[in-house]
PDB file of N, CA and C in Angstrom:
ATOM      1  N   MET A   1     110.009  58.233 -47.699  1.00  0.00           N
ATOM      2  CA  MET A   1     111.176  58.204 -48.560  1.00  0.00           C
ATOM      3  C   MET A   1     111.315  59.546 -49.265  1.00  0.00           C
ATOM      4  N   SER A   2     112.467  60.151 -49.141  1.00  0.00           N
ATOM      5  CA  SER A   2     112.712  61.458 -49.738  1.00  0.00           C
ATOM      6  C   SER A   2     113.243  61.297 -51.161  1.00  0.00           C
ATOM      7  N   SER A   3     112.757  62.137 -52.076  1.00  0.00           N
ATOM      8  CA  SER A   3     113.242  62.085 -53.453  1.00  0.00           C
ATOM      9  C   SER A   3     114.365  63.095 -53.689  1.00  0.00           C
ATOM     10  N   SER A   4     114.679  63.902 -52.695  1.00  0.00           N
ATOM     11  CA  SER A   4     115.707  64.927 -52.833  1.00  0.00           C
ATOM     12  C   SER A   4     117.085  64.362 -52.514  1.00  0.00           C
ATOM     13  N   ARG A   5     118.069  64.764 -53.319  1.00  0.00           N
ATOM     14  CA  ARG A   5     119.447  64.382 -53.015  1.00  0.00           C
ATOM     15  C   ARG A   5     120.016  65.276 -51.924  1.00  0.00           C
ATOM     16  N   LEU A   6     119.377  66.412 -51.695  1.00  0.00           N
ATOM     17  CA  LEU A   6     119.773  67.344 -50.633  1.00  0.00           C
ATOM     18  C   LEU A   6     118.536  67.698 -49.817  1.00  0.00           C
ATOM     19  N   PRO A   7     118.086  66.808 -48.963  1.00  0.00           N
ATOM     20  CA  PRO A   7     116.865  67.061 -48.194  1.00  0.00           C
ATOM     21  C   PRO A   7     116.962  68.368 -47.404  1.00  0.00           C
ATOM     22  N   GLY A   8     115.900  69.148 -47.439  1.00  0.00           N
ATOM     23  CA  GLY A   8     115.844  70.402 -46.694  1.00  0.00           C
ATOM     24  C   GLY A   8     116.669  71.527 -47.285  1.00  0.00           C
ATOM     25  N   PHE A   9     117.167  71.350 -48.508  1.00  0.00           N
ATOM     26  CA  PHE A   9     118.021  72.364 -49.137  1.00  0.00           C
ATOM     27  C   PHE A   9     117.337  73.730 -49.171  1.00  0.00           C
ATOM     28  N   TYR A  10     116.055  73.752 -49.499  1.00  0.00           N
ATOM     29  CA  TYR A  10     115.330  75.017 -49.601  1.00  0.00           C
ATOM     30  C   TYR A  10     115.182  75.718 -48.254  1.00  0.00           C
ATOM     31  N   LYS A  11     115.337  74.988 -47.160  1.00  0.00           N
ATOM     32  CA  LYS A  11     115.217  75.590 -45.829  1.00  0.00           C
ATOM     33  C   LYS A  11     116.528  76.206 -45.350  1.00  0.00           C
ATOM     34  N   MET A  12     117.635  75.847 -46.008  1.00  0.00           N
ATOM     35  CA  MET A  12     118.950  76.332 -45.576  1.00  0.00           C
ATOM     36  C   MET A  12     119.129  77.807 -45.907  1.00  0.00           C
ATOM     37  N   LYS A  13     119.936  78.482 -45.115  1.00  0.00           N
ATOM     38  CA  LYS A  13     120.323  79.856 -45.428  1.00  0.00           C
ATOM     39  C   LYS A  13     121.222  79.815 -46.659  1.00  0.00           C
ATOM     40  N   MET A  14     121.295  80.943 -47.371  1.00  0.00           N
ATOM     41  CA  MET A  14     122.084  81.007 -48.593  1.00  0.00           C
ATOM     42  C   MET A  14     123.532  80.571 -48.352  1.00  0.00           C
ATOM     43  N   SER A  15     124.128  81.006 -47.262  1.00  0.00           N
ATOM     44  CA  SER A  15     125.525  80.656 -46.987  1.00  0.00           C
ATOM     45  C   SER A  15     125.700  79.142 -46.840  1.00  0.00           C
ATOM     46  N   GLU A  16     124.730  78.477 -46.232  1.00  0.00           N
ATOM     47  CA  GLU A  16     124.808  77.024 -46.070  1.00  0.00           C
ATOM     48  C   GLU A  16     124.630  76.322 -47.413  1.00  0.00           C
ATOM     49  N   ARG A  17     123.718  76.823 -48.256  1.00  0.00           N
ATOM     50  CA  ARG A  17     123.545  76.231 -49.592  1.00  0.00           C
ATOM     51  C   ARG A  17     124.845  76.316 -50.383  1.00  0.00           C
ATOM     52  N   LEU A  18     125.466  77.503 -50.352  1.00  0.00           N
ATOM     53  CA  LEU A  18     126.720  77.687 -51.083  1.00  0.00           C
ATOM     54  C   LEU A  18     127.826  76.797 -50.521  1.00  0.00           C
ATOM     55  N   ARG A  19     127.869  76.644 -49.196  1.00  0.00           N
ATOM     56  CA  ARG A  19     128.882  75.780 -48.585  1.00  0.00           C
ATOM     57  C   ARG A  19     128.693  74.334 -49.021  1.00  0.00           C
ATOM     58  N   ARG A  20     127.444  73.882 -49.035  1.00  0.00           N
ATOM     59  CA  ARG A  20     127.161  72.499 -49.450  1.00  0.00           C
ATOM     60  C   ARG A  20     127.557  72.279 -50.905  1.00  0.00           C
ATOM     61  N   LEU A  21     127.301  73.280 -51.745  1.00  0.00           N
ATOM     62  CA  LEU A  21     127.689  73.154 -53.146  1.00  0.00           C
ATOM     63  C   LEU A  21     129.199  73.221 -53.317  1.00  0.00           C
ATOM     64  N   ALA A  22     129.864  74.027 -52.486  1.00  0.00           N
ATOM     65  CA  ALA A  22     131.324  74.152 -52.561  1.00  0.00           C
ATOM     66  C   ALA A  22     131.995  72.803 -52.341  1.00  0.00           C
ATOM     67  N   ASP A  23     131.378  71.952 -51.550  1.00  0.00           N
ATOM     68  CA  ASP A  23     131.931  70.620 -51.304  1.00  0.00           C
ATOM     69  C   ASP A  23     131.938  69.771 -52.579  1.00  0.00           C
ATOM     70  N   ALA A  24     131.025  70.075 -53.508  1.00  0.00           N
ATOM     71  CA  ALA A  24     130.891  69.266 -54.718  1.00  0.00           C
ATOM     72  C   ALA A  24     131.474  69.927 -55.969  1.00  0.00           C
ATOM     73  N   LEU A  25     131.735  71.228 -55.925  1.00  0.00           N
ATOM     74  CA  LEU A  25     132.215  71.952 -57.102  1.00  0.00           C
ATOM     75  C   LEU A  25     133.678  72.313 -56.974  1.00  0.00           C
ATOM     76  N   ASP A  26     134.338  72.493 -58.129  1.00  0.00           N
ATOM     77  CA  ASP A  26     135.704  73.010 -58.072  1.00  0.00           C
ATOM     78  C   ASP A  26     135.642  74.535 -57.994  1.00  0.00           C
ATOM     79  N   GLY A  27     136.761  75.174 -57.759  1.00  0.00           N
ATOM     80  CA  GLY A  27     136.806  76.618 -57.551  1.00  0.00           C
ATOM     81  C   GLY A  27     136.235  77.427 -58.694  1.00  0.00           C
ATOM     82  N   GLN A  28     136.512  77.020 -59.934  1.00  0.00           N
ATOM     83  CA  GLN A  28     136.024  77.770 -61.086  1.00  0.00           C
ATOM     84  C   GLN A  28     134.501  77.706 -61.175  1.00  0.00           C
ATOM     85  N   ASP A  29     133.924  76.538 -60.951  1.00  0.00           N
ATOM     86  CA  ASP A  29     132.469  76.414 -60.969  1.00  0.00           C
ATOM     87  C   ASP A  29     131.844  77.212 -59.836  1.00  0.00           C
ATOM     88  N   LEU A  30     132.472  77.200 -58.680  1.00  0.00           N
ATOM     89  CA  LEU A  30     131.946  77.915 -57.526  1.00  0.00           C
ATOM     90  C   LEU A  30     131.968  79.421 -57.755  1.00  0.00           C
ATOM     91  N   ASP A  31     132.989  79.908 -58.478  1.00  0.00           N
ATOM     92  CA  ASP A  31     133.064  81.336 -58.781  1.00  0.00           C
ATOM     93  C   ASP A  31     131.876  81.800 -59.611  1.00  0.00           C
ATOM     94  N   GLY A  32     131.266  80.892 -60.362  1.00  0.00           N
ATOM     95  CA  GLY A  32     130.125  81.242 -61.193  1.00  0.00           C
ATOM     96  C   GLY A  32     128.847  81.458 -60.404  1.00  0.00           C
ATOM     97  N   LEU A  33     128.840  81.050 -59.152  1.00  0.00           N
ATOM     98  CA  LEU A  33     127.667  81.252 -58.303  1.00  0.00           C
ATOM     99  C   LEU A  33     127.815  82.582 -57.583  1.00  0.00           C
ATOM    100  N   GLY A  34     126.725  83.218 -57.304  1.00  0.00           N
ATOM    101  CA  GLY A  34     126.809  84.459 -56.546  1.00  0.00           C
ATOM    102  C   GLY A  34     126.132  85.602 -57.260  1.00  0.00           C
ATOM    103  N   GLU A  35     126.681  86.784 -57.097  1.00  0.00           N
ATOM    104  CA  GLU A  35     126.032  87.991 -57.587  1.00  0.00           C
ATOM    105  C   GLU A  35     125.993  88.066 -59.104  1.00  0.00           C
ATOM    106  N   SER A  36     124.995  88.722 -59.595  1.00  0.00           N
ATOM    107  CA  SER A  36     124.794  88.937 -61.020  1.00  0.00           C
ATOM    108  C   SER A  36     124.412  90.389 -61.224  1.00  0.00           C
ATOM    109  N   ALA A  37     124.735  90.912 -62.375  1.00  0.00           N
ATOM    110  CA  ALA A  37     124.355  92.289 -62.681  1.00  0.00           C
ATOM    111  C   ALA A  37     122.856  92.405 -62.931  1.00  0.00           C
ATOM    112  N   THR A  38     122.200  91.288 -63.215  1.00  0.00           N
ATOM    113  CA  THR A  38     120.783  91.345 -63.558  1.00  0.00           C
ATOM    114  C   THR A  38     119.848  91.190 -62.370  1.00  0.00           C
ATOM    115  N   LEU A  39     120.246  90.426 -61.373  1.00  0.00           N
ATOM    116  CA  LEU A  39     119.386  90.195 -60.214  1.00  0.00           C
ATOM    117  C   LEU A  39     120.258  89.860 -59.012  1.00  0.00           C
ATOM    118  N   PRO A  40     120.227  90.692 -57.984  1.00  0.00           N
ATOM    119  CA  PRO A  40     121.031  90.383 -56.791  1.00  0.00           C
ATOM    120  C   PRO A  40     120.619  89.038 -56.188  1.00  0.00           C
ATOM    121  N   LEU A  41     121.595  88.306 -55.696  1.00  0.00           N
ATOM    122  CA  LEU A  41     121.347  86.981 -55.134  1.00  0.00           C
ATOM    123  C   LEU A  41     120.335  87.026 -53.992  1.00  0.00           C
ATOM    124  N   ALA A  42     120.372  88.071 -53.186  1.00  0.00           N
ATOM    125  CA  ALA A  42     119.413  88.194 -52.078  1.00  0.00           C
ATOM    126  C   ALA A  42     117.979  88.270 -52.602  1.00  0.00           C
ATOM    127  N   ASN A  43     117.772  88.961 -53.717  1.00  0.00           N
ATOM    128  CA  ASN A  43     116.428  89.033 -54.307  1.00  0.00           C
ATOM    129  C   ASN A  43     116.008  87.671 -54.848  1.00  0.00           C
ATOM    130  N   ALA A  44     116.934  86.995 -55.526  1.00  0.00           N
ATOM    131  CA  ALA A  44     116.620  85.671 -56.067  1.00  0.00           C
ATOM    132  C   ALA A  44     116.270  84.709 -54.945  1.00  0.00           C
ATOM    133  N   ASP A  45     116.965  84.821 -53.832  1.00  0.00           N
ATOM    134  CA  ASP A  45     116.708  83.941 -52.692  1.00  0.00           C
ATOM    135  C   ASP A  45     115.280  84.105 -52.192  1.00  0.00           C
ATOM    136  N   GLY A  46     114.750  85.320 -52.244  1.00  0.00           N
ATOM    137  CA  GLY A  46     113.385  85.560 -51.803  1.00  0.00           C
ATOM    138  C   GLY A  46     112.340  85.130 -52.823  1.00  0.00           C
ATOM    139  N   MET A  47     112.766  84.914 -54.062  1.00  0.00           N
ATOM    140  CA  MET A  47     111.832  84.587 -55.133  1.00  0.00           C
ATOM    141  C   MET A  47     111.864  83.110 -55.525  1.00  0.00           C
ATOM    142  N   ILE A  48     113.032  82.490 -55.401  1.00  0.00           N
ATOM    143  CA  ILE A  48     113.239  81.131 -55.882  1.00  0.00           C
ATOM    144  C   ILE A  48     113.670  80.287 -54.699  1.00  0.00           C
ATOM    145  N   GLU A  49     112.912  79.276 -54.356  1.00  0.00           N
ATOM    146  CA  GLU A  49     113.161  78.577 -53.092  1.00  0.00           C
ATOM    147  C   GLU A  49     114.533  77.931 -52.998  1.00  0.00           C
ATOM    148  N   ASN A  50     115.126  77.499 -54.088  1.00  0.00           N
ATOM    149  CA  ASN A  50     116.432  76.848 -54.029  1.00  0.00           C
ATOM    150  C   ASN A  50     117.537  77.692 -54.650  1.00  0.00           C
ATOM    151  N   ALA A  51     117.376  78.998 -54.707  1.00  0.00           N
ATOM    152  CA  ALA A  51     118.361  79.858 -55.375  1.00  0.00           C
ATOM    153  C   ALA A  51     119.752  79.664 -54.791  1.00  0.00           C
ATOM    154  N   VAL A  52     120.709  79.466 -55.669  1.00  0.00           N
ATOM    155  CA  VAL A  52     122.111  79.408 -55.264  1.00  0.00           C
ATOM    156  C   VAL A  52     122.952  80.295 -56.169  1.00  0.00           C
ATOM    157  N   GLY A  53     122.375  80.765 -57.228  1.00  0.00           N
ATOM    158  CA  GLY A  53     123.083  81.630 -58.159  1.00  0.00           C
ATOM    159  C   GLY A  53     122.082  82.243 -59.107  1.00  0.00           C
ATOM    160  N   VAL A  54     122.537  83.194 -59.855  1.00  0.00           N
ATOM    161  CA  VAL A  54     121.669  83.878 -60.797  1.00  0.00           C
ATOM    162  C   VAL A  54     122.355  83.864 -62.147  1.00  0.00           C
ATOM    163  N   LEU A  55     121.636  83.469 -63.176  1.00  0.00           N
ATOM    164  CA  LEU A  55     122.191  83.489 -64.516  1.00  0.00           C
ATOM    165  C   LEU A  55     121.852  84.818 -65.156  1.00  0.00           C
ATOM    166  N   GLY A  56     122.843  85.495 -65.668  1.00  0.00           N
ATOM    167  CA  GLY A  56     122.626  86.762 -66.345  1.00  0.00           C
ATOM    168  C   GLY A  56     123.229  86.701 -67.731  1.00  0.00           C
ATOM    169  N   ALA A  57     122.737  87.530 -68.621  1.00  0.00           N
ATOM    170  CA  ALA A  57     123.287  87.583 -69.973  1.00  0.00           C
ATOM    171  C   ALA A  57     124.477  88.522 -69.983  1.00  0.00           C
ATOM    172  N   ASP A  58     125.601  88.034 -70.501  1.00  0.00           N
ATOM    173  CA  ASP A  58     126.762  88.898 -70.668  1.00  0.00           C
ATOM    174  C   ASP A  58     126.448  89.891 -71.772  1.00  0.00           C
ATOM    175  N   SER A  59     126.937  91.082 -71.633  1.00  0.00           N
ATOM    176  CA  SER A  59     126.695  92.096 -72.646  1.00  0.00           C
ATOM    177  C   SER A  59     128.016  92.611 -73.153  1.00  0.00           C
ATOM    178  N   ASP A  60     128.072  92.878 -74.430  1.00  0.00           N
ATOM    179  CA  ASP A  60     129.295  93.428 -74.999  1.00  0.00           C
ATOM    180  C   ASP A  60     129.280  94.951 -74.953  1.00  0.00           C
ATOM    181  N   GLY A  61     128.283  95.529 -74.295  1.00  0.00           N
ATOM    182  CA  GLY A  61     128.187  96.981 -74.180  1.00  0.00           C
ATOM    183  C   GLY A  61     127.501  97.624 -75.370  1.00  0.00           C
ATOM    184  N   GLY A  62     127.197  96.845 -76.382  1.00  0.00           N
ATOM    185  CA  GLY A  62     126.579  97.384 -77.586  1.00  0.00           C
ATOM    186  C   GLY A  62     125.092  97.122 -77.652  1.00  0.00           C
ATOM    187  N   GLY A  63     124.494  96.712 -76.562  1.00  0.00           N
ATOM    188  CA  GLY A  63     123.053  96.504 -76.553  1.00  0.00           C
ATOM    189  C   GLY A  63     122.623  95.121 -77.005  1.00  0.00           C
ATOM    190  N   ARG A  64     123.570  94.246 -77.243  1.00  0.00           N
ATOM    191  CA  ARG A  64     123.195  92.880 -77.617  1.00  0.00           C
ATOM    192  C   ARG A  64     124.022  91.910 -76.798  1.00  0.00           C
ATOM    193  N   ALA A  65     123.500  90.751 -76.564  1.00  0.00           N
ATOM    194  CA  ALA A  65     124.207  89.759 -75.757  1.00  0.00           C
ATOM    195  C   ALA A  65     125.354  89.168 -76.559  1.00  0.00           C
ATOM    196  N   VAL A  66     126.437  88.842 -75.874  1.00  0.00           N
ATOM    197  CA  VAL A  66     127.557  88.184 -76.529  1.00  0.00           C
ATOM    198  C   VAL A  66     127.064  86.866 -77.096  1.00  0.00           C
ATOM    199  N   GLY A  67     127.448  86.562 -78.321  1.00  0.00           N
ATOM    200  CA  GLY A  67     127.016  85.318 -78.941  1.00  0.00           C
ATOM    201  C   GLY A  67     125.794  85.479 -79.825  1.00  0.00           C
ATOM    202  N   ASP A  68     125.222  86.689 -79.880  1.00  0.00           N
ATOM    203  CA  ASP A  68     124.115  86.921 -80.800  1.00  0.00           C
ATOM    204  C   ASP A  68     124.596  86.709 -82.229  1.00  0.00           C
ATOM    205  N   ARG A  69     123.661  86.582 -83.128  1.00  0.00           N
ATOM    206  CA  ARG A  69     123.993  86.330 -84.530  1.00  0.00           C
ATOM    207  C   ARG A  69     124.743  87.500 -85.153  1.00  0.00           C
ATOM    208  N   GLY A  70     124.795  88.608 -84.490  1.00  0.00           N
ATOM    209  CA  GLY A  70     125.477  89.780 -85.043  1.00  0.00           C
ATOM    210  C   GLY A  70     124.470  90.833 -85.445  1.00  0.00           C
ATOM    211  N   GLY A  71     124.928  92.055 -85.554  1.00  0.00           N
ATOM    212  CA  GLY A  71     124.022  93.132 -85.906  1.00  0.00           C
ATOM    213  C   GLY A  71     123.128  93.492 -84.737  1.00  0.00           C
ATOM    214  N   LEU A  72     122.276  94.450 -84.977  1.00  0.00           N
ATOM    215  CA  LEU A  72     121.352  94.870 -83.929  1.00  0.00           C
ATOM    216  C   LEU A  72     120.194  93.891 -83.842  1.00  0.00           C
ATOM    217  N   PRO A  73     119.673  93.679 -82.644  1.00  0.00           N
ATOM    218  CA  PRO A  73     118.547  92.755 -82.509  1.00  0.00           C
ATOM    219  C   PRO A  73     117.312  93.288 -83.222  1.00  0.00           C
ATOM    220  N   GLY A  74     116.524  92.373 -83.758  1.00  0.00           N
ATOM    221  CA  GLY A  74     115.289  92.761 -84.424  1.00  0.00           C
ATOM    222  C   GLY A  74     114.211  93.126 -83.418  1.00  0.00           C
ATOM    223  N   ARG A  75     113.089  93.602 -83.919  1.00  0.00           N
ATOM    224  CA  ARG A  75     111.979  94.024 -83.068  1.00  0.00           C
ATOM    225  C   ARG A  75     111.508  92.887 -82.165  1.00  0.00           C
ATOM    226  N   GLU A  76     111.417  91.672 -82.719  1.00  0.00           N
ATOM    227  CA  GLU A  76     110.962  90.534 -81.921  1.00  0.00           C
ATOM    228  C   GLU A  76     111.934  90.241 -80.783  1.00  0.00           C
ATOM    229  N   ASP A  77     113.237  90.312 -81.075  1.00  0.00           N
ATOM    230  CA  ASP A  77     114.241  90.077 -80.033  1.00  0.00           C
ATOM    231  C   ASP A  77     114.134  91.113 -78.923  1.00  0.00           C
ATOM    232  N   ARG A  78     113.961  92.380 -79.291  1.00  0.00           N
ATOM    233  CA  ARG A  78     113.855  93.433 -78.273  1.00  0.00           C
ATOM    234  C   ARG A  78     112.604  93.239 -77.424  1.00  0.00           C
ATOM    235  N   ALA A  79     111.494  92.887 -78.054  1.00  0.00           N
ATOM    236  CA  ALA A  79     110.248  92.674 -77.310  1.00  0.00           C
ATOM    237  C   ALA A  79     110.389  91.486 -76.360  1.00  0.00           C
ATOM    238  N   ARG A  80     111.018  90.415 -76.824  1.00  0.00           N
ATOM    239  CA  ARG A  80     111.213  89.235 -75.979  1.00  0.00           C
ATOM    240  C   ARG A  80     112.096  89.579 -74.791  1.00  0.00           C
ATOM    241  N   ARG A  81     113.160  90.327 -75.006  1.00  0.00           N
ATOM    242  CA  ARG A  81     114.050  90.697 -73.912  1.00  0.00           C
ATOM    243  C   ARG A  81     113.340  91.594 -72.903  1.00  0.00           C
ATOM    244  N   ARG A  82     112.492  92.498 -73.387  1.00  0.00           N
ATOM    245  CA  ARG A  82     111.735  93.350 -72.461  1.00  0.00           C
ATOM    246  C   ARG A  82     110.844  92.493 -71.577  1.00  0.00           C
ATOM    247  N   ARG A  83     110.167  91.514 -72.168  1.00  0.00           N
ATOM    248  CA  ARG A  83     109.295  90.634 -71.379  1.00  0.00           C
ATOM    249  C   ARG A  83     110.104  89.867 -70.344  1.00  0.00           C
ATOM    250  N   VAL A  84     111.277  89.390 -70.716  1.00  0.00           N
ATOM    251  CA  VAL A  84     112.112  88.626 -69.794  1.00  0.00           C
ATOM    252  C   VAL A  84     112.586  89.506 -68.656  1.00  0.00           C
ATOM    253  N   GLN A  85     112.932  90.773 -68.938  1.00  0.00           N
ATOM    254  CA  GLN A  85     113.448  91.669 -67.911  1.00  0.00           C
ATOM    255  C   GLN A  85     112.372  92.095 -66.928  1.00  0.00           C
ATOM    256  N   LEU A  86     111.118  92.095 -67.357  1.00  0.00           N
ATOM    257  CA  LEU A  86     110.037  92.492 -66.464  1.00  0.00           C
ATOM    258  C   LEU A  86     109.839  91.407 -65.466  1.00  0.00           C
TER     259      LEU A  86
END
């Protein structure tokens, strides 16, 4: 008995994974899948067995993520972001 709702999903090529998801998502949701400025989808596919998209932080160009509390990030925030980027 398989516990997966999409058996063999991790074995599919990226194009097939995206096609299968396209059947279940509307156009706007589907547009959110794909390339990211932080990690190319091809790299994610090699690192994450079920990769279908990459989440990246939007930037306002000022060195802080959109939605931050405002002002420049503190030392702890910068250190945490460095660890995440590595």
